[in-house]
């Protein structure tokens, strides 16, 4: 009997030990982990560069609340500001909290209520974040959503101009839709969004919860398109697996988050800031980001061997955030890969998502490609039933 809500379709293994890219289950079997806590352990599991300062901080102070000065918050905020388009930072505990805060900030600052987001987007599971998300399966059964959110087609040019409402507080988007299928936004689409925001005097919110903190080979994914967002949300990789999120915003929005207007008990606590500071010290180095981009380019090139199989439709992504789109649901393939010692996850029903640590070794990428090729070679497709295939 389990005392847990069954809110997760859990894998049939328990991870008992983890270091770097490798994890071991309760039976001692080793796996290449290309999930990494869903893009949170960007430096791999238990990185020494983060573990050491965390151990020291554990003996000093864990948490005192935001009623006191916190120089660790200042250090992390400075790093985020220096490597982004923002000027001010608010710390919280997760990506959903960061997106909730971003919605509150946009509405309060503009004194408008409408937020435009996009189909297949994912922004979290709290009420505003869920309302912002463009996937009905996330909202099913929870009753009326928070009003004011409108979902348009992602990457479709011209649709924004047909939206005549002037009560637009913000447009909120991911530069690569993660949960929606690892779908990159086109340069033309993002430039159209930026122009629309300027025309409507609306804020541009970029959700970098999964794409941020080096995942794409830049500090933030939006930097490939030369955007200058008003608000950026981050979490996941910010603390190397330690729970932490943040909102980064331009300085003219500062007046709208005045004392008492927003807050959090645990956000920005000493342990979270210690983990984030050590993480950013490494990831925001120019040489490190260049290495992530090079590894991502190499990995995608190696993965093109999968295109020889009838199961595979497309390979896409940026840096070390990669999706393999298949013509059928991929869950059986993911299970077979697990038996082969490679842990991956889905992004929607038909996409295998690959999120290795950013400091993954080249030979580990090659090993993953070999395992993928082995499993895809075994896949036999029944063309009379489009949604069925077996692995033998």
Protein backbone atom coordinates (compact mmCIF):
# COMPACT_ATOMS: atom_id res chain seq x y z
CA UNK A 1 0.00 0.00 0.00
CA UNK A 2 1.22 3.50 -0.84
CA UNK A 3 0.36 6.59 1.21
CA UNK A 4 1.03 8.87 -1.80
CA UNK A 5 -1.42 10.43 -4.22
CA UNK A 6 -1.04 8.74 -7.60
CA UNK A 7 -0.24 11.98 -9.41
CA UNK A 8 2.77 10.51 -11.25
CA UNK A 9 3.27 7.60 -13.61
CA UNK A 10 6.46 6.57 -11.90
CA UNK A 11 9.15 4.40 -13.48
CA UNK A 12 9.55 0.95 -11.95
CA UNK A 13 12.97 1.73 -10.50
CA UNK A 14 14.32 3.66 -7.53
CA UNK A 15 17.47 5.72 -7.87
CA UNK A 16 19.66 5.00 -4.85
CA UNK A 17 22.93 6.58 -5.96
CA UNK A 18 23.80 9.31 -8.45
CA UNK A 19 26.95 11.09 -9.57
CA UNK A 20 27.46 13.10 -12.72
CA UNK A 21 25.65 11.49 -15.64
CA UNK A 22 25.34 8.05 -14.02
CA UNK A 23 22.72 6.77 -11.60
CA UNK A 24 22.22 3.36 -9.94
CA UNK A 25 18.94 1.72 -9.00
CA UNK A 26 18.11 -0.40 -5.96
CA UNK A 27 19.51 -3.49 -7.67
CA UNK A 28 22.83 -1.84 -8.51
CA UNK A 29 22.08 -1.45 -12.23
CA UNK A 30 23.67 1.66 -13.78
CA UNK A 31 21.99 4.05 -16.22
CA UNK A 32 23.02 7.02 -18.30
CA UNK A 33 20.66 9.69 -17.00
CA UNK A 34 19.52 11.97 -19.82
CA UNK A 35 16.61 13.26 -17.75
CA UNK A 36 18.63 14.89 -14.94
CA UNK A 37 15.62 15.73 -12.80
CA UNK A 38 13.90 17.17 -15.91
CA UNK A 39 16.66 19.63 -16.82
CA UNK A 40 17.44 20.60 -13.22
CA UNK A 41 20.80 18.93 -12.61
CA UNK A 42 22.62 20.93 -15.28
CA UNK A 43 26.00 20.10 -13.75
CA UNK A 44 25.10 16.45 -13.28
CA UNK A 45 24.15 14.75 -10.03
CA UNK A 46 25.85 15.88 -6.81
CA UNK A 47 28.49 18.12 -8.45
CA UNK A 48 31.40 18.73 -6.09
CA UNK A 49 31.50 22.41 -6.99
CA UNK A 50 27.98 22.81 -5.53
CA UNK A 51 28.11 20.14 -2.83
CA UNK A 52 31.13 21.62 -1.03
CA UNK A 53 29.70 25.13 -0.40
CA UNK A 54 26.31 23.61 0.50
CA UNK A 55 27.92 21.48 3.22
CA UNK A 56 29.61 24.57 4.66
CA UNK A 57 26.37 26.56 4.57
CA UNK A 58 24.52 23.74 6.38
CA UNK A 59 26.66 24.41 9.44
CA UNK A 60 26.09 28.17 9.32
CA UNK A 61 22.44 29.06 8.71
CA UNK A 62 19.69 27.51 6.56
CA UNK A 63 16.81 29.92 6.63
CA UNK A 64 15.93 33.22 8.29
CA UNK A 65 13.12 34.51 5.98
CA UNK A 66 13.18 37.62 3.83
CA UNK A 67 12.79 39.91 6.83
CA UNK A 68 16.60 40.15 6.89
CA UNK A 69 19.36 41.26 4.53
CA UNK A 70 20.83 38.43 2.47
CA UNK A 71 24.10 39.01 0.64
CA UNK A 72 23.85 35.59 -1.01
CA UNK A 73 20.69 36.77 -2.78
CA UNK A 74 22.57 39.85 -3.96
CA UNK A 75 25.38 37.70 -5.40
CA UNK A 76 23.03 35.43 -7.35
CA UNK A 77 20.89 38.36 -8.52
CA UNK A 78 24.00 40.16 -9.78
CA UNK A 79 24.99 37.13 -11.85
CA UNK A 80 21.50 36.80 -13.34
CA UNK A 81 21.36 40.49 -14.19
CA UNK A 82 24.85 40.58 -15.71
CA UNK A 83 23.97 37.74 -18.08
CA UNK A 84 20.43 38.81 -19.04
CA UNK A 85 18.37 41.76 -20.24
CA UNK A 86 17.06 42.37 -16.72
CA UNK A 87 17.97 44.62 -13.82
CA UNK A 88 16.05 43.33 -10.79
CA UNK A 89 15.43 39.84 -9.39
CA UNK A 90 12.79 38.23 -7.18
CA UNK A 91 13.57 34.75 -5.79
CA UNK A 92 11.02 32.01 -5.25
CA UNK A 93 10.98 28.21 -5.10
CA UNK A 94 9.97 26.89 -8.52
CA UNK A 95 9.17 27.66 -12.14
CA UNK A 96 5.43 27.74 -11.49
CA UNK A 97 5.95 30.29 -8.71
CA UNK A 98 8.16 32.36 -10.97
CA UNK A 99 5.48 32.39 -13.67
CA UNK A 100 2.77 33.26 -11.13
CA UNK A 101 4.88 36.21 -10.00
CA UNK A 102 5.51 37.27 -13.61
CA UNK A 103 1.76 37.36 -14.32
CA UNK A 104 1.12 39.38 -11.16
CA UNK A 105 3.92 41.80 -12.00
CA UNK A 106 2.73 42.29 -15.59
CA UNK A 107 -0.86 42.95 -14.59
CA UNK A 108 0.02 45.28 -11.74
CA UNK A 109 2.56 47.25 -13.76
CA UNK A 110 0.42 47.72 -16.87
CA UNK A 111 -2.94 47.91 -15.06
CA UNK A 112 -4.21 45.63 -17.82
CA UNK A 113 -5.36 42.02 -17.50
CA UNK A 114 -5.10 40.10 -20.77
CA UNK A 115 -2.16 37.70 -21.14
CA UNK A 116 -1.51 36.10 -24.54
CA UNK A 117 0.15 32.69 -24.50
CA UNK A 118 0.37 29.88 -27.04
CA UNK A 119 -0.97 26.43 -27.79
CA UNK A 120 1.20 23.52 -26.56
CA UNK A 121 2.92 25.81 -24.07
CA UNK A 122 3.60 24.75 -20.49
CA UNK A 123 4.02 27.27 -17.68
CA UNK A 124 3.22 25.28 -14.53
CA UNK A 125 0.40 23.76 -12.50
CA UNK A 126 -0.66 26.52 -10.11
CA UNK A 127 -3.80 28.39 -11.17
CA UNK A 128 -2.35 31.32 -13.13
CA UNK A 129 0.41 29.14 -14.58
CA UNK A 130 -2.15 26.48 -15.49
CA UNK A 131 -4.40 29.07 -17.11
CA UNK A 132 -1.41 30.32 -19.10
CA UNK A 133 -0.59 26.79 -20.28
CA UNK A 134 -1.89 25.94 -23.75
CA UNK A 135 -2.65 22.27 -23.07
CA UNK A 136 -6.17 21.19 -22.13
CA UNK A 137 -4.98 17.96 -20.48
CA UNK A 138 -3.28 20.06 -17.77
CA UNK A 139 -6.57 21.80 -16.94
CA UNK A 140 -9.01 18.90 -17.15
CA UNK A 141 -11.29 18.56 -14.14
CA UNK A 142 -10.19 21.70 -12.27
CA UNK A 143 -13.17 23.86 -13.13
CA UNK A 144 -13.10 27.43 -14.45
CA UNK A 145 -9.65 28.80 -15.17
CA UNK A 146 -8.38 32.19 -14.11
CA UNK A 147 -9.84 34.55 -16.77
CA UNK A 148 -7.85 36.80 -19.06
CA UNK A 149 -5.65 34.25 -20.84
CA UNK A 150 -5.83 33.79 -24.61
CA UNK A 151 -3.97 31.04 -26.48
CA UNK A 152 -2.84 31.60 -30.05
CA UNK A 153 -1.02 29.31 -32.48
CA UNK A 154 2.69 28.96 -31.79
CA UNK A 155 4.96 29.93 -34.71
CA UNK A 156 2.05 31.06 -36.90
CA UNK A 157 2.77 34.45 -38.43
CA UNK A 158 0.03 37.06 -38.71
CA UNK A 159 -2.25 35.71 -36.00
CA UNK A 160 -1.21 38.29 -33.41
CA UNK A 161 -2.21 41.16 -35.69
CA UNK A 162 -5.76 39.80 -35.76
CA UNK A 163 -5.97 40.17 -31.98
CA UNK A 164 -7.64 43.57 -31.63
CA UNK A 165 -7.95 43.74 -27.83
CA UNK A 166 -5.99 46.69 -26.40
CA UNK A 167 -6.20 45.42 -22.81
CA UNK A 168 -3.03 43.35 -23.23
CA UNK A 169 -0.73 43.22 -20.24
CA UNK A 170 1.80 40.79 -21.73
CA UNK A 171 2.67 38.11 -24.22
CA UNK A 172 4.20 35.07 -22.53
CA UNK A 173 6.12 32.36 -24.37
CA UNK A 174 8.90 29.78 -24.38
CA UNK A 175 11.58 30.17 -27.05
CA UNK A 176 11.60 26.36 -27.21
CA UNK A 177 8.41 24.67 -26.06
CA UNK A 178 9.66 21.87 -23.81
CA UNK A 179 6.65 19.90 -22.59
CA UNK A 180 4.89 20.74 -25.86
CA UNK A 181 7.33 18.70 -27.94
CA UNK A 182 10.73 20.48 -28.00
CA UNK A 183 9.46 22.96 -30.60
CA UNK A 184 11.77 25.95 -31.28
CA UNK A 185 10.21 29.31 -32.04
CA UNK A 186 11.20 30.75 -35.39
CA UNK A 187 13.18 33.97 -35.61
CA UNK A 188 10.39 35.59 -37.67
CA UNK A 189 7.75 34.62 -35.12
CA UNK A 190 9.70 35.97 -32.15
CA UNK A 191 10.44 39.23 -33.93
CA UNK A 192 6.74 39.57 -34.73
CA UNK A 193 5.88 39.00 -31.05
CA UNK A 194 8.40 41.66 -29.97
CA UNK A 195 7.00 44.17 -32.44
CA UNK A 196 3.45 43.40 -31.33
CA UNK A 197 4.35 44.01 -27.67
CA UNK A 198 5.91 47.34 -28.55
CA UNK A 199 2.86 48.35 -30.59
CA UNK A 200 0.41 47.37 -27.85
CA UNK A 201 2.60 48.65 -25.00
CA UNK A 202 2.50 45.16 -23.55
CA UNK A 203 5.28 43.38 -21.70
CA UNK A 204 7.21 40.46 -23.18
CA UNK A 205 7.56 37.58 -20.72
CA UNK A 206 9.96 34.80 -21.71
CA UNK A 207 9.60 31.58 -19.76
CA UNK A 208 13.16 30.24 -19.49
CA UNK A 209 12.38 27.68 -16.80
CA UNK A 210 13.67 24.84 -18.97
CA UNK A 211 15.73 26.66 -21.61
CA UNK A 212 17.60 28.95 -19.22
CA UNK A 213 20.84 28.56 -17.26
CA UNK A 214 22.93 27.30 -20.17
CA UNK A 215 20.65 24.52 -21.45
CA UNK A 216 20.73 25.81 -25.05
CA UNK A 217 24.39 26.85 -25.12
CA UNK A 218 23.70 30.45 -24.08
CA UNK A 219 22.84 31.78 -20.64
CA UNK A 220 19.22 32.11 -21.82
CA UNK A 221 17.53 30.73 -24.92
CA UNK A 222 16.06 34.07 -26.01
CA UNK A 223 19.58 35.38 -26.63
CA UNK A 224 19.79 33.50 -29.92
CA UNK A 225 17.09 35.76 -31.37
CA UNK A 226 18.35 39.08 -30.00
CA UNK A 227 15.22 39.66 -27.91
CA UNK A 228 15.11 41.99 -24.91
CA UNK A 229 12.34 40.61 -22.65
CA UNK A 230 10.75 42.75 -19.98
CA UNK A 231 10.42 39.72 -17.69
CA UNK A 232 12.36 36.43 -17.67
CA UNK A 233 11.43 33.47 -15.49
CA UNK A 234 13.92 30.78 -14.48
CA UNK A 235 14.09 27.74 -12.19
CA UNK A 236 15.10 24.10 -12.89
CA UNK A 237 18.85 24.36 -13.66
CA UNK A 238 19.37 27.42 -11.45
CA UNK A 239 20.21 25.38 -8.33
CA UNK A 240 21.68 22.15 -9.73
CA UNK A 241 18.60 20.28 -8.54
CA UNK A 242 18.09 22.33 -5.39
CA UNK A 243 14.59 23.95 -5.43
CA UNK A 244 14.88 27.58 -6.52
CA UNK A 245 13.24 29.90 -9.02
CA UNK A 246 13.56 33.54 -9.99
CA UNK A 247 11.91 36.39 -11.85
CA UNK A 248 14.28 38.75 -13.66
CA UNK A 249 12.79 42.05 -14.80
CA UNK A 250 13.75 45.45 -16.16
CA UNK A 251 14.24 48.24 -13.64
CA UNK A 252 11.17 50.27 -14.60
CA UNK A 253 9.02 47.43 -13.27
CA UNK A 254 10.57 47.75 -9.83
CA UNK A 255 7.99 50.23 -8.57
CA UNK A 256 5.24 47.66 -9.14
CA UNK A 257 6.75 45.14 -6.73
CA UNK A 258 6.98 47.46 -3.74
CA UNK A 259 7.18 46.25 -0.09
CA UNK A 260 4.22 44.03 0.77
CA UNK A 261 3.02 43.60 -2.84
CA UNK A 262 4.45 40.11 -3.25
CA UNK A 263 6.42 37.69 -1.13
CA UNK A 264 7.51 34.19 -0.21
CA UNK A 265 8.54 32.42 2.98
CA UNK A 266 11.21 30.09 1.63
CA UNK A 267 12.21 31.83 -1.62
CA UNK A 268 15.85 32.86 -1.72
CA UNK A 269 16.80 30.96 1.43
CA UNK A 270 20.48 30.51 2.26
CA UNK A 271 20.78 26.94 0.99
CA UNK A 272 19.06 27.70 -2.32
CA UNK A 273 21.23 30.76 -2.88
CA UNK A 274 24.40 28.84 -2.05
CA UNK A 275 23.51 26.20 -4.64
CA UNK A 276 22.54 28.80 -7.24
CA UNK A 277 25.65 30.91 -6.72
CA UNK A 278 27.98 27.93 -7.16
CA UNK A 279 26.00 26.72 -10.19
CA UNK A 280 26.13 30.06 -11.98
CA UNK A 281 29.84 30.51 -11.20
CA UNK A 282 30.45 27.54 -13.49
CA UNK A 283 27.69 27.66 -16.11
CA UNK A 284 27.94 31.37 -16.92
CA UNK A 285 31.58 31.09 -17.91
CA UNK A 286 31.97 31.81 -21.63
CA UNK A 287 34.08 28.69 -22.25
CA UNK A 288 31.50 26.49 -20.51
CA UNK A 289 28.61 27.81 -22.62
CA UNK A 290 30.65 27.43 -25.81
CA UNK A 291 31.33 23.81 -24.85
CA UNK A 292 27.59 23.18 -24.31
CA UNK A 293 26.81 24.52 -27.79
CA UNK A 294 29.58 22.42 -29.36
CA UNK A 295 28.39 19.26 -27.60
CA UNK A 296 24.81 19.98 -28.64
CA UNK A 297 25.82 20.38 -32.28
CA UNK A 298 27.84 17.17 -32.11
CA UNK A 299 25.01 15.25 -30.43
CA UNK A 300 22.41 16.34 -32.98
CA UNK A 301 24.72 15.39 -35.83
CA UNK A 302 25.26 11.93 -34.33
CA UNK A 303 21.53 11.51 -33.74
CA UNK A 304 20.84 11.95 -37.47
CA UNK A 305 21.64 8.24 -37.82
CA UNK A 306 18.18 7.66 -36.32
CA UNK A 307 16.57 9.23 -39.38
CA UNK A 308 17.26 6.02 -41.28
CA UNK A 309 14.54 4.28 -39.29
CA UNK A 310 10.87 4.50 -40.33
CA UNK A 311 9.94 5.22 -36.71
CA UNK A 312 11.71 8.62 -36.77
CA UNK A 313 10.15 11.79 -38.16
CA UNK A 314 12.40 14.66 -36.97
CA UNK A 315 15.28 15.61 -34.67
CA UNK A 316 15.30 19.15 -33.31
CA UNK A 317 16.34 21.39 -30.43
CA UNK A 318 19.13 23.66 -29.33
CA UNK A 319 22.21 22.94 -27.26
CA UNK A 320 21.53 19.98 -24.99
CA UNK A 321 17.74 20.20 -25.19
CA UNK A 322 16.85 17.79 -27.97
CA UNK A 323 13.66 16.14 -29.17
CA UNK A 324 13.33 13.04 -31.36
CA UNK A 325 9.88 13.09 -32.95
CA UNK A 326 8.44 9.70 -33.89
CA UNK A 327 5.41 8.73 -35.96
CA UNK A 328 3.87 6.80 -33.04
CA UNK A 329 3.63 7.21 -29.23
CA UNK A 330 7.08 6.82 -27.73
CA UNK A 331 6.41 5.39 -24.27
CA UNK A 332 7.30 1.79 -25.30
CA UNK A 333 10.56 3.06 -26.79
CA UNK A 334 11.37 4.95 -23.58
CA UNK A 335 10.76 1.79 -21.56
CA UNK A 336 13.01 -0.22 -23.88
CA UNK A 337 15.73 2.41 -23.58
CA UNK A 338 15.47 2.13 -19.81
CA UNK A 339 16.08 -1.60 -20.04
CA UNK A 340 19.15 -0.77 -22.17
CA UNK A 341 20.45 1.57 -19.46
CA UNK A 342 19.45 4.97 -20.89
CA UNK A 343 16.95 7.20 -19.09
CA UNK A 344 15.01 9.66 -21.25
CA UNK A 345 11.52 11.17 -21.09
CA UNK A 346 8.74 12.23 -23.41
CA UNK A 347 7.55 15.66 -24.53
CA UNK A 348 3.99 15.04 -25.56
CA UNK A 349 3.06 11.58 -26.79
CA UNK A 350 5.32 11.30 -29.84
CA UNK A 351 8.59 13.00 -28.85
CA UNK A 352 11.54 11.57 -26.93
CA UNK A 353 13.19 14.36 -24.96
CA UNK A 354 16.94 14.31 -24.22
CA UNK A 355 18.26 16.49 -21.37
CA UNK A 356 21.78 15.33 -20.46
CA UNK A 357 23.86 17.35 -18.00
CA UNK A 358 25.61 20.28 -19.59
CA UNK A 359 29.03 18.86 -18.66
CA UNK A 360 28.25 15.46 -20.19
CA UNK A 361 31.30 13.74 -21.72
CA UNK A 362 31.49 13.18 -25.47
CA UNK A 363 31.85 9.43 -25.01
CA UNK A 364 28.62 9.44 -22.96
CA UNK A 365 26.82 11.14 -25.85
CA UNK A 366 28.20 8.51 -28.23
CA UNK A 367 27.10 5.74 -25.86
CA UNK A 368 23.57 7.19 -25.77
CA UNK A 369 23.42 7.29 -29.57
CA UNK A 370 24.53 3.65 -29.72
CA UNK A 371 21.75 2.65 -27.30
CA UNK A 372 19.18 4.62 -29.29
CA UNK A 373 20.27 3.01 -32.54
CA UNK A 374 20.11 -0.44 -30.95
CA UNK A 375 16.54 0.11 -29.74
CA UNK A 376 15.34 1.73 -32.96
CA UNK A 377 16.83 -1.16 -34.90
CA UNK A 378 14.62 -3.52 -32.91
CA UNK A 379 11.47 -1.48 -33.43
CA UNK A 380 8.99 -3.14 -35.78
CA UNK A 381 6.16 -0.95 -37.02
CA UNK A 382 2.71 -2.32 -37.86
CA UNK A 383 1.65 0.02 -40.67
CA UNK A 384 -1.98 -1.15 -40.50
CA UNK A 385 -2.34 0.39 -37.04
CA UNK A 386 -0.65 3.79 -36.98
CA UNK A 387 -0.44 4.04 -33.20
CA UNK A 388 1.00 0.59 -32.55
CA UNK A 389 4.49 -0.81 -32.74
CA UNK A 390 6.30 -3.57 -30.92
CA UNK A 391 9.88 -3.99 -29.82
CA UNK A 392 11.43 -7.46 -30.20
